[in-house]
Amino acid sequence: MRISFLSQEFEVSESRTVSGELLDAFKEGMEVAKRLEKVQKAIEGSVLDLELMGRLLDEFDLLQGRAQAVNLDVEDVNISKLMPKLGFSVEDART
């Protein structure tokens, strides 16, 4: 038997939206998405350096695998479904 404790309280930033706070629960996916975007821009800028482009493409491939593993494509959909269950309206997502 194992006894654990899960805190029901957490700090909320007043400058963030409700959906932003919920996205924090999917932090790994968001970090992968940001890194994918950066790598994609770097690939676009590396057309003259084929060696660098190769390394970036390898990293992009690995990041895409991570994105699939954390279901990055469905996180926004999950948040949209989760908000009403937590008592938030669509308008609350932006406040």
PDB file of N, CA and C in Angstrom:
ATOM      1  N   MET A   1       0.835  -1.165   0.000  1.00  0.00           N
ATOM      2  CA  MET A   1       0.000   0.000   0.000  1.00  0.00           C
ATOM      3  C   MET A   1       0.886   1.237   0.000  1.00  0.00           C
ATOM      4  N   ARG A   2       0.405   2.260  -0.701  1.00  0.00           N
ATOM      5  CA  ARG A   2       1.154   3.501  -0.788  1.00  0.00           C
ATOM      6  C   ARG A   2       0.192   4.661  -0.576  1.00  0.00           C
ATOM      7  N   ILE A   3       0.552   5.552   0.302  1.00  0.00           N
ATOM      8  CA  ILE A   3      -0.274   6.719   0.578  1.00  0.00           C
ATOM      9  C   ILE A   3       0.410   7.930  -0.034  1.00  0.00           C
ATOM     10  N   SER A   4      -0.359   8.719  -0.769  1.00  0.00           N
ATOM     11  CA  SER A   4       0.182   9.910  -1.431  1.00  0.00           C
ATOM     12  C   SER A   4      -0.712  11.101  -1.143  1.00  0.00           C
ATOM     13  N   PHE A   5      -0.180  12.276  -1.422  1.00  0.00           N
ATOM     14  CA  PHE A   5      -0.913  13.512  -1.206  1.00  0.00           C
ATOM     15  C   PHE A   5      -0.846  14.335  -2.483  1.00  0.00           C
ATOM     16  N   LEU A   6      -1.977  14.807  -2.914  1.00  0.00           N
ATOM     17  CA  LEU A   6      -2.045  15.667  -4.085  1.00  0.00           C
ATOM     18  C   LEU A   6      -2.676  16.983  -3.671  1.00  0.00           C
ATOM     19  N   SER A   7      -1.911  18.032  -3.736  1.00  0.00           N
ATOM     20  CA  SER A   7      -2.403  19.349  -3.350  1.00  0.00           C
ATOM     21  C   SER A   7      -3.527  19.780  -4.292  1.00  0.00           C
ATOM     22  N   GLN A   8      -4.585  20.322  -3.734  1.00  0.00           N
ATOM     23  CA  GLN A   8      -5.714  20.785  -4.527  1.00  0.00           C
ATOM     24  C   GLN A   8      -5.620  22.284  -4.798  1.00  0.00           C
ATOM     25  N   GLU A   9      -4.585  22.914  -4.310  1.00  0.00           N
ATOM     26  CA  GLU A   9      -4.401  24.343  -4.500  1.00  0.00           C
ATOM     27  C   GLU A   9      -3.114  24.584  -5.275  1.00  0.00           C
ATOM     28  N   PHE A  10      -3.131  25.629  -6.080  1.00  0.00           N
ATOM     29  CA  PHE A  10      -1.947  25.991  -6.840  1.00  0.00           C
ATOM     30  C   PHE A  10      -1.981  27.481  -7.094  1.00  0.00           C
ATOM     31  N   GLU A  11      -0.834  28.025  -7.422  1.00  0.00           N
ATOM     32  CA  GLU A  11      -0.757  29.456  -7.688  1.00  0.00           C
ATOM     33  C   GLU A  11      -1.193  29.740  -9.120  1.00  0.00           C
ATOM     34  N   VAL A  12      -1.955  30.803  -9.287  1.00  0.00           N
ATOM     35  CA  VAL A  12      -2.456  31.198 -10.590  1.00  0.00           C
ATOM     36  C   VAL A  12      -1.962  32.606 -10.883  1.00  0.00           C
ATOM     37  N   SER A  13      -1.484  32.817 -12.071  1.00  0.00           N
ATOM     38  CA  SER A  13      -1.028  34.139 -12.487  1.00  0.00           C
ATOM     39  C   SER A  13      -2.226  34.933 -12.995  1.00  0.00           C
ATOM     40  N   GLU A  14      -2.424  36.115 -12.437  1.00  0.00           N
ATOM     41  CA  GLU A  14      -3.552  36.945 -12.850  1.00  0.00           C
ATOM     42  C   GLU A  14      -3.401  37.478 -14.273  1.00  0.00           C
ATOM     43  N   SER A  15      -2.196  37.458 -14.804  1.00  0.00           N
ATOM     44  CA  SER A  15      -1.973  37.976 -16.151  1.00  0.00           C
ATOM     45  C   SER A  15      -2.236  36.934 -17.235  1.00  0.00           C
ATOM     46  N   ARG A  16      -2.495  35.695 -16.847  1.00  0.00           N
ATOM     47  CA  ARG A  16      -2.727  34.624 -17.817  1.00  0.00           C
ATOM     48  C   ARG A  16      -4.209  34.338 -17.948  1.00  0.00           C
ATOM     49  N   THR A  17      -4.591  33.831 -19.106  1.00  0.00           N
ATOM     50  CA  THR A  17      -5.988  33.453 -19.330  1.00  0.00           C
ATOM     51  C   THR A  17      -6.251  32.093 -18.693  1.00  0.00           C
ATOM     52  N   VAL A  18      -7.521  31.744 -18.586  1.00  0.00           N
ATOM     53  CA  VAL A  18      -7.887  30.432 -18.045  1.00  0.00           C
ATOM     54  C   VAL A  18      -7.307  29.335 -18.927  1.00  0.00           C
ATOM     55  N   SER A  19      -7.443  29.486 -20.237  1.00  0.00           N
ATOM     56  CA  SER A  19      -6.891  28.461 -21.125  1.00  0.00           C
ATOM     57  C   SER A  19      -5.373  28.414 -21.028  1.00  0.00           C
ATOM     58  N   GLY A  20      -4.737  29.552 -20.782  1.00  0.00           N
ATOM     59  CA  GLY A  20      -3.284  29.570 -20.583  1.00  0.00           C
ATOM     60  C   GLY A  20      -2.876  28.775 -19.364  1.00  0.00           C
ATOM     61  N   GLU A  21      -3.645  28.914 -18.298  1.00  0.00           N
ATOM     62  CA  GLU A  21      -3.370  28.136 -17.085  1.00  0.00           C
ATOM     63  C   GLU A  21      -3.561  26.644 -17.349  1.00  0.00           C
ATOM     64  N   LEU A  22      -4.618  26.305 -18.087  1.00  0.00           N
ATOM     65  CA  LEU A  22      -4.848  24.890 -18.396  1.00  0.00           C
ATOM     66  C   LEU A  22      -3.756  24.340 -19.306  1.00  0.00           C
ATOM     67  N   LEU A  23      -3.284  25.177 -20.228  1.00  0.00           N
ATOM     68  CA  LEU A  23      -2.203  24.739 -21.104  1.00  0.00           C
ATOM     69  C   LEU A  23      -0.941  24.406 -20.315  1.00  0.00           C
ATOM     70  N   ASP A  24      -0.787  25.045 -19.156  1.00  0.00           N
ATOM     71  CA  ASP A  24       0.369  24.766 -18.309  1.00  0.00           C
ATOM     72  C   ASP A  24       0.390  23.299 -17.885  1.00  0.00           C
ATOM     73  N   ALA A  25      -0.800  22.699 -17.796  1.00  0.00           N
ATOM     74  CA  ALA A  25      -0.872  21.276 -17.455  1.00  0.00           C
ATOM     75  C   ALA A  25      -0.277  20.418 -18.567  1.00  0.00           C
ATOM     76  N   PHE A  26      -0.239  20.984 -19.759  1.00  0.00           N
ATOM     77  CA  PHE A  26       0.319  20.282 -20.907  1.00  0.00           C
ATOM     78  C   PHE A  26       1.668  20.885 -21.289  1.00  0.00           C
ATOM     79  N   LYS A  27       2.448  21.224 -20.267  1.00  0.00           N
ATOM     80  CA  LYS A  27       3.699  21.955 -20.452  1.00  0.00           C
ATOM     81  C   LYS A  27       4.660  21.263 -21.423  1.00  0.00           C
ATOM     82  N   GLU A  28       4.829  19.964 -21.302  1.00  0.00           N
ATOM     83  CA  GLU A  28       5.775  19.274 -22.181  1.00  0.00           C
ATOM     84  C   GLU A  28       5.381  19.437 -23.639  1.00  0.00           C
ATOM     85  N   GLY A  29       4.110  19.292 -23.917  1.00  0.00           N
ATOM     86  CA  GLY A  29       3.645  19.453 -25.290  1.00  0.00           C
ATOM     87  C   GLY A  29       3.878  20.849 -25.811  1.00  0.00           C
ATOM     88  N   MET A  30       3.661  21.840 -24.961  1.00  0.00           N
ATOM     89  CA  MET A  30       3.866  23.220 -25.380  1.00  0.00           C
ATOM     90  C   MET A  30       5.343  23.499 -25.638  1.00  0.00           C
ATOM     91  N   GLU A  31       6.212  22.919 -24.816  1.00  0.00           N
ATOM     92  CA  GLU A  31       7.649  23.097 -25.027  1.00  0.00           C
ATOM     93  C   GLU A  31       8.079  22.459 -26.349  1.00  0.00           C
ATOM     94  N   VAL A  32       7.517  21.302 -26.642  1.00  0.00           N
ATOM     95  CA  VAL A  32       7.822  20.626 -27.910  1.00  0.00           C
ATOM     96  C   VAL A  32       7.346  21.489 -29.076  1.00  0.00           C
ATOM     97  N   ALA A  33       6.141  22.052 -28.958  1.00  0.00           N
ATOM     98  CA  ALA A  33       5.599  22.891 -30.030  1.00  0.00           C
ATOM     99  C   ALA A  33       6.484  24.110 -30.270  1.00  0.00           C
ATOM    100  N   LYS A  34       6.933  24.747 -29.195  1.00  0.00           N
ATOM    101  CA  LYS A  34       7.801  25.919 -29.342  1.00  0.00           C
ATOM    102  C   LYS A  34       9.121  25.541 -30.001  1.00  0.00           C
ATOM    103  N   ARG A  35       9.689  24.426 -29.570  1.00  0.00           N
ATOM    104  CA  ARG A  35      10.969  23.985 -30.136  1.00  0.00           C
ATOM    105  C   ARG A  35      10.802  23.603 -31.608  1.00  0.00           C
ATOM    106  N   LEU A  36       9.685  22.956 -31.945  1.00  0.00           N
ATOM    107  CA  LEU A  36       9.427  22.612 -33.343  1.00  0.00           C
ATOM    108  C   LEU A  36       9.383  23.866 -34.205  1.00  0.00           C
ATOM    109  N   GLU A  37       8.737  24.894 -33.703  1.00  0.00           N
ATOM    110  CA  GLU A  37       8.637  26.147 -34.452  1.00  0.00           C
ATOM    111  C   GLU A  37      10.013  26.772 -34.659  1.00  0.00           C
ATOM    112  N   LYS A  38      10.835  26.773 -33.607  1.00  0.00           N
ATOM    113  CA  LYS A  38      12.183  27.351 -33.712  1.00  0.00           C
ATOM    114  C   LYS A  38      13.047  26.569 -34.696  1.00  0.00           C
ATOM    115  N   VAL A  39      12.972  25.245 -34.608  1.00  0.00           N
ATOM    116  CA  VAL A  39      13.778  24.415 -35.500  1.00  0.00           C
ATOM    117  C   VAL A  39      13.325  24.597 -36.944  1.00  0.00           C
ATOM    118  N   GLN A  40      12.014  24.690 -37.154  1.00  0.00           N
ATOM    119  CA  GLN A  40      11.501  24.887 -38.508  1.00  0.00           C
ATOM    120  C   GLN A  40      12.008  26.200 -39.099  1.00  0.00           C
ATOM    121  N   LYS A  41      12.003  27.257 -38.304  1.00  0.00           N
ATOM    122  CA  LYS A  41      12.530  28.546 -38.784  1.00  0.00           C
ATOM    123  C   LYS A  41      14.028  28.448 -39.070  1.00  0.00           C
ATOM    124  N   ALA A  42      14.750  27.719 -38.218  1.00  0.00           N
ATOM    125  CA  ALA A  42      16.195  27.552 -38.429  1.00  0.00           C
ATOM    126  C   ALA A  42      16.459  26.763 -39.708  1.00  0.00           C
ATOM    127  N   ILE A  43      15.626  25.763 -39.989  1.00  0.00           N
ATOM    128  CA  ILE A  43      15.780  24.985 -41.226  1.00  0.00           C
ATOM    129  C   ILE A  43      15.602  25.899 -42.437  1.00  0.00           C
ATOM    130  N   GLU A  44      14.582  26.754 -42.376  1.00  0.00           N
ATOM    131  CA  GLU A  44      14.328  27.677 -43.482  1.00  0.00           C
ATOM    132  C   GLU A  44      15.513  28.619 -43.707  1.00  0.00           C
ATOM    133  N   GLY A  45      16.222  28.952 -42.644  1.00  0.00           N
ATOM    134  CA  GLY A  45      17.365  29.853 -42.759  1.00  0.00           C
ATOM    135  C   GLY A  45      18.681  29.167 -43.027  1.00  0.00           C
ATOM    136  N   SER A  46      18.679  27.849 -43.125  1.00  0.00           N
ATOM    137  CA  SER A  46      19.945  27.122 -43.285  1.00  0.00           C
ATOM    138  C   SER A  46      20.134  26.542 -44.679  1.00  0.00           C
ATOM    139  N   VAL A  47      19.484  27.099 -45.670  1.00  0.00           N
ATOM    140  CA  VAL A  47      19.548  26.525 -47.016  1.00  0.00           C
ATOM    141  C   VAL A  47      20.958  26.537 -47.607  1.00  0.00           C
ATOM    142  N   LEU A  48      21.815  27.393 -47.111  1.00  0.00           N
ATOM    143  CA  LEU A  48      23.174  27.462 -47.644  1.00  0.00           C
ATOM    144  C   LEU A  48      24.152  26.549 -46.901  1.00  0.00           C
ATOM    145  N   ASP A  49      23.735  26.002 -45.761  1.00  0.00           N
ATOM    146  CA  ASP A  49      24.598  25.132 -44.960  1.00  0.00           C
ATOM    147  C   ASP A  49      23.937  23.764 -44.843  1.00  0.00           C
ATOM    148  N   LEU A  50      24.288  22.882 -45.764  1.00  0.00           N
ATOM    149  CA  LEU A  50      23.623  21.571 -45.825  1.00  0.00           C
ATOM    150  C   LEU A  50      23.898  20.711 -44.600  1.00  0.00           C
ATOM    151  N   GLU A  51      25.072  20.844 -44.008  1.00  0.00           N
ATOM    152  CA  GLU A  51      25.391  20.069 -42.801  1.00  0.00           C
ATOM    153  C   GLU A  51      24.494  20.495 -41.637  1.00  0.00           C
ATOM    154  N   LEU A  52      24.367  21.796 -41.456  1.00  0.00           N
ATOM    155  CA  LEU A  52      23.492  22.323 -40.416  1.00  0.00           C
ATOM    156  C   LEU A  52      22.048  21.917 -40.689  1.00  0.00           C
ATOM    157  N   MET A  53      21.625  22.013 -41.935  1.00  0.00           N
ATOM    158  CA  MET A  53      20.260  21.640 -42.284  1.00  0.00           C
ATOM    159  C   MET A  53      19.999  20.167 -41.954  1.00  0.00           C
ATOM    160  N   GLY A  54      20.969  19.314 -42.202  1.00  0.00           N
ATOM    161  CA  GLY A  54      20.828  17.897 -41.882  1.00  0.00           C
ATOM    162  C   GLY A  54      20.626  17.668 -40.388  1.00  0.00           C
ATOM    163  N   ARG A  55      21.429  18.361 -39.573  1.00  0.00           N
ATOM    164  CA  ARG A  55      21.283  18.227 -38.113  1.00  0.00           C
ATOM    165  C   ARG A  55      19.925  18.742 -37.652  1.00  0.00           C
ATOM    166  N   LEU A  56      19.505  19.863 -38.229  1.00  0.00           N
ATOM    167  CA  LEU A  56      18.211  20.428 -37.860  1.00  0.00           C
ATOM    168  C   LEU A  56      17.058  19.512 -38.280  1.00  0.00           C
ATOM    169  N   LEU A  57      17.176  18.908 -39.443  1.00  0.00           N
ATOM    170  CA  LEU A  57      16.139  17.971 -39.893  1.00  0.00           C
ATOM    171  C   LEU A  57      16.062  16.754 -38.984  1.00  0.00           C
ATOM    172  N   ASP A  58      17.219  16.282 -38.522  1.00  0.00           N
ATOM    173  CA  ASP A  58      17.233  15.164 -37.568  1.00  0.00           C
ATOM    174  C   ASP A  58      16.531  15.559 -36.272  1.00  0.00           C
ATOM    175  N   GLU A  59      16.838  16.761 -35.774  1.00  0.00           N
ATOM    176  CA  GLU A  59      16.193  17.236 -34.550  1.00  0.00           C
ATOM    177  C   GLU A  59      14.694  17.414 -34.764  1.00  0.00           C
ATOM    178  N   PHE A  60      14.313  17.941 -35.905  1.00  0.00           N
ATOM    179  CA  PHE A  60      12.897  18.140 -36.229  1.00  0.00           C
ATOM    180  C   PHE A  60      12.163  16.800 -36.225  1.00  0.00           C
ATOM    181  N   ASP A  61      12.795  15.788 -36.784  1.00  0.00           N
ATOM    182  CA  ASP A  61      12.203  14.445 -36.817  1.00  0.00           C
ATOM    183  C   ASP A  61      11.992  13.908 -35.402  1.00  0.00           C
ATOM    184  N   LEU A  62      12.997  14.081 -34.530  1.00  0.00           N
ATOM    185  CA  LEU A  62      12.868  13.636 -33.143  1.00  0.00           C
ATOM    186  C   LEU A  62      11.753  14.395 -32.417  1.00  0.00           C
ATOM    187  N   LEU A  63      11.682  15.691 -32.645  1.00  0.00           N
ATOM    188  CA  LEU A  63      10.647  16.505 -32.012  1.00  0.00           C
ATOM    189  C   LEU A  63       9.250  16.110 -32.490  1.00  0.00           C
ATOM    190  N   GLN A  64       9.123  15.773 -33.762  1.00  0.00           N
ATOM    191  CA  GLN A  64       7.826  15.329 -34.265  1.00  0.00           C
ATOM    192  C   GLN A  64       7.396  14.028 -33.584  1.00  0.00           C
ATOM    193  N   GLY A  65       8.360  13.159 -33.324  1.00  0.00           N
ATOM    194  CA  GLY A  65       8.060  11.924 -32.588  1.00  0.00           C
ATOM    195  C   GLY A  65       7.574  12.228 -31.181  1.00  0.00           C
ATOM    196  N   ARG A  66       8.230  13.179 -30.513  1.00  0.00           N
ATOM    197  CA  ARG A  66       7.796  13.583 -29.167  1.00  0.00           C
ATOM    198  C   ARG A  66       6.414  14.215 -29.213  1.00  0.00           C
ATOM    199  N   ALA A  67       6.156  15.022 -30.250  1.00  0.00           N
ATOM    200  CA  ALA A  67       4.853  15.676 -30.394  1.00  0.00           C
ATOM    201  C   ALA A  67       3.747  14.636 -30.533  1.00  0.00           C
ATOM    202  N   GLN A  68       4.012  13.589 -31.273  1.00  0.00           N
ATOM    203  CA  GLN A  68       3.024  12.521 -31.416  1.00  0.00           C
ATOM    204  C   GLN A  68       2.841  11.776 -30.101  1.00  0.00           C
ATOM    205  N   ALA A  69       3.922  11.581 -29.363  1.00  0.00           N
ATOM    206  CA  ALA A  69       3.856  10.855 -28.092  1.00  0.00           C
ATOM    207  C   ALA A  69       3.022  11.601 -27.051  1.00  0.00           C
ATOM    208  N   VAL A  70       3.063  12.937 -27.072  1.00  0.00           N
ATOM    209  CA  VAL A  70       2.286  13.719 -26.095  1.00  0.00           C
ATOM    210  C   VAL A  70       0.966  14.198 -26.678  1.00  0.00           C
ATOM    211  N   ASN A  71       0.600  13.697 -27.860  1.00  0.00           N
ATOM    212  CA  ASN A  71      -0.657  14.061 -28.522  1.00  0.00           C
ATOM    213  C   ASN A  71      -0.803  15.570 -28.673  1.00  0.00           C
ATOM    214  N   LEU A  72       0.224  16.196 -29.176  1.00  0.00           N
ATOM    215  CA  LEU A  72       0.246  17.650 -29.322  1.00  0.00           C
ATOM    216  C   LEU A  72      -0.926  18.160 -30.154  1.00  0.00           C
ATOM    217  N   ASP A  73      -1.343  17.413 -31.140  1.00  0.00           N
ATOM    218  CA  ASP A  73      -2.429  17.854 -32.023  1.00  0.00           C
ATOM    219  C   ASP A  73      -3.765  17.988 -31.310  1.00  0.00           C
ATOM    220  N   VAL A  74      -3.959  17.253 -30.224  1.00  0.00           N
ATOM    221  CA  VAL A  74      -5.273  17.249 -29.573  1.00  0.00           C
ATOM    222  C   VAL A  74      -5.307  18.032 -28.265  1.00  0.00           C
ATOM    223  N   GLU A  75      -4.214  18.661 -27.868  1.00  0.00           N
ATOM    224  CA  GLU A  75      -4.200  19.378 -26.590  1.00  0.00           C
ATOM    225  C   GLU A  75      -5.194  20.530 -26.552  1.00  0.00           C
ATOM    226  N   ASP A  76      -5.268  21.327 -27.615  1.00  0.00           N
ATOM    227  CA  ASP A  76      -6.235  22.428 -27.639  1.00  0.00           C
ATOM    228  C   ASP A  76      -7.664  21.893 -27.571  1.00  0.00           C
ATOM    229  N   VAL A  77      -7.907  20.801 -28.258  1.00  0.00           N
ATOM    230  CA  VAL A  77      -9.239  20.186 -28.233  1.00  0.00           C
ATOM    231  C   VAL A  77      -9.542  19.681 -26.828  1.00  0.00           C
ATOM    232  N   ASN A  78      -8.567  19.063 -26.183  1.00  0.00           N
ATOM    233  CA  ASN A  78      -8.770  18.562 -24.819  1.00  0.00           C
ATOM    234  C   ASN A  78      -9.097  19.691 -23.853  1.00  0.00           C
ATOM    235  N   ILE A  79      -8.411  20.811 -24.002  1.00  0.00           N
ATOM    236  CA  ILE A  79      -8.661  21.953 -23.125  1.00  0.00           C
ATOM    237  C   ILE A  79     -10.067  22.497 -23.360  1.00  0.00           C
ATOM    238  N   SER A  80     -10.475  22.577 -24.620  1.00  0.00           N
ATOM    239  CA  SER A  80     -11.823  23.056 -24.937  1.00  0.00           C
ATOM    240  C   SER A  80     -12.888  22.156 -24.322  1.00  0.00           C
ATOM    241  N   LYS A  81     -12.627  20.863 -24.298  1.00  0.00           N
ATOM    242  CA  LYS A  81     -13.580  19.919 -23.699  1.00  0.00           C
ATOM    243  C   LYS A  81     -13.528  19.969 -22.175  1.00  0.00           C
ATOM    244  N   LEU A  82     -12.347  20.220 -21.624  1.00  0.00           N
ATOM    245  CA  LEU A  82     -12.152  20.212 -20.183  1.00  0.00           C
ATOM    246  C   LEU A  82     -12.756  21.436 -19.499  1.00  0.00           C
ATOM    247  N   MET A  83     -12.676  22.587 -20.142  1.00  0.00           N
ATOM    248  CA  MET A  83     -13.129  23.828 -19.509  1.00  0.00           C
ATOM    249  C   MET A  83     -14.580  23.780 -19.030  1.00  0.00           C
ATOM    250  N   PRO A  84     -15.547  23.353 -19.855  1.00  0.00           N
ATOM    251  CA  PRO A  84     -16.931  23.305 -19.355  1.00  0.00           C
ATOM    252  C   PRO A  84     -17.101  22.322 -18.191  1.00  0.00           C
ATOM    253  N   LYS A  85     -16.331  21.257 -18.188  1.00  0.00           N
ATOM    254  CA  LYS A  85     -16.410  20.286 -17.095  1.00  0.00           C
ATOM    255  C   LYS A  85     -15.910  20.872 -15.787  1.00  0.00           C
ATOM    256  N   LEU A  86     -15.035  21.881 -15.893  1.00  0.00           N
ATOM    257  CA  LEU A  86     -14.516  22.554 -14.707  1.00  0.00           C
ATOM    258  C   LEU A  86     -15.336  23.795 -14.345  1.00  0.00           C
ATOM    259  N   GLY A  87     -16.397  24.047 -15.122  1.00  0.00           N
ATOM    260  CA  GLY A  87     -17.281  25.171 -14.813  1.00  0.00           C
ATOM    261  C   GLY A  87     -16.929  26.466 -15.514  1.00  0.00           C
ATOM    262  N   PHE A  88     -16.075  26.409 -16.525  1.00  0.00           N
ATOM    263  CA  PHE A  88     -15.681  27.607 -17.262  1.00  0.00           C
ATOM    264  C   PHE A  88     -16.431  27.670 -18.588  1.00  0.00           C
ATOM    265  N   SER A  89     -16.763  28.880 -19.024  1.00  0.00           N
ATOM    266  CA  SER A  89     -17.415  29.068 -20.319  1.00  0.00           C
ATOM    267  C   SER A  89     -16.354  29.338 -21.381  1.00  0.00           C
ATOM    268  N   VAL A  90     -16.800  29.383 -22.627  1.00  0.00           N
ATOM    269  CA  VAL A  90     -15.893  29.684 -23.733  1.00  0.00           C
ATOM    270  C   VAL A  90     -15.286  31.071 -23.554  1.00  0.00           C
ATOM    271  N   GLU A  91     -16.086  32.022 -23.078  1.00  0.00           N
ATOM    272  CA  GLU A  91     -15.593  33.376 -22.860  1.00  0.00           C
ATOM    273  C   GLU A  91     -14.525  33.423 -21.771  1.00  0.00           C
ATOM    274  N   ASP A  92     -14.640  32.524 -20.771  1.00  0.00           N
ATOM    275  CA  ASP A  92     -13.651  32.481 -19.692  1.00  0.00           C
ATOM    276  C   ASP A  92     -12.261  32.127 -20.195  1.00  0.00           C
ATOM    277  N   ALA A  93     -12.179  31.439 -21.323  1.00  0.00           N
ATOM    278  CA  ALA A  93     -10.889  31.020 -21.869  1.00  0.00           C
ATOM    279  C   ALA A  93     -10.016  32.230 -22.182  1.00  0.00           C
ATOM    280  N   ARG A  94     -10.651  33.338 -22.506  1.00  0.00           N
ATOM    281  CA  ARG A  94      -9.907  34.535 -22.915  1.00  0.00           C
ATOM    282  C   ARG A  94      -9.676  35.499 -21.770  1.00  0.00           C
ATOM    283  N   THR A  95     -10.193  35.195 -20.586  1.00  0.00           N
ATOM    284  CA  THR A  95     -10.044  36.117 -19.447  1.00  0.00           C
ATOM    285  C   THR A  95      -9.127  35.559 -18.394  1.00  0.00           C
TER     286      THR A  95
END
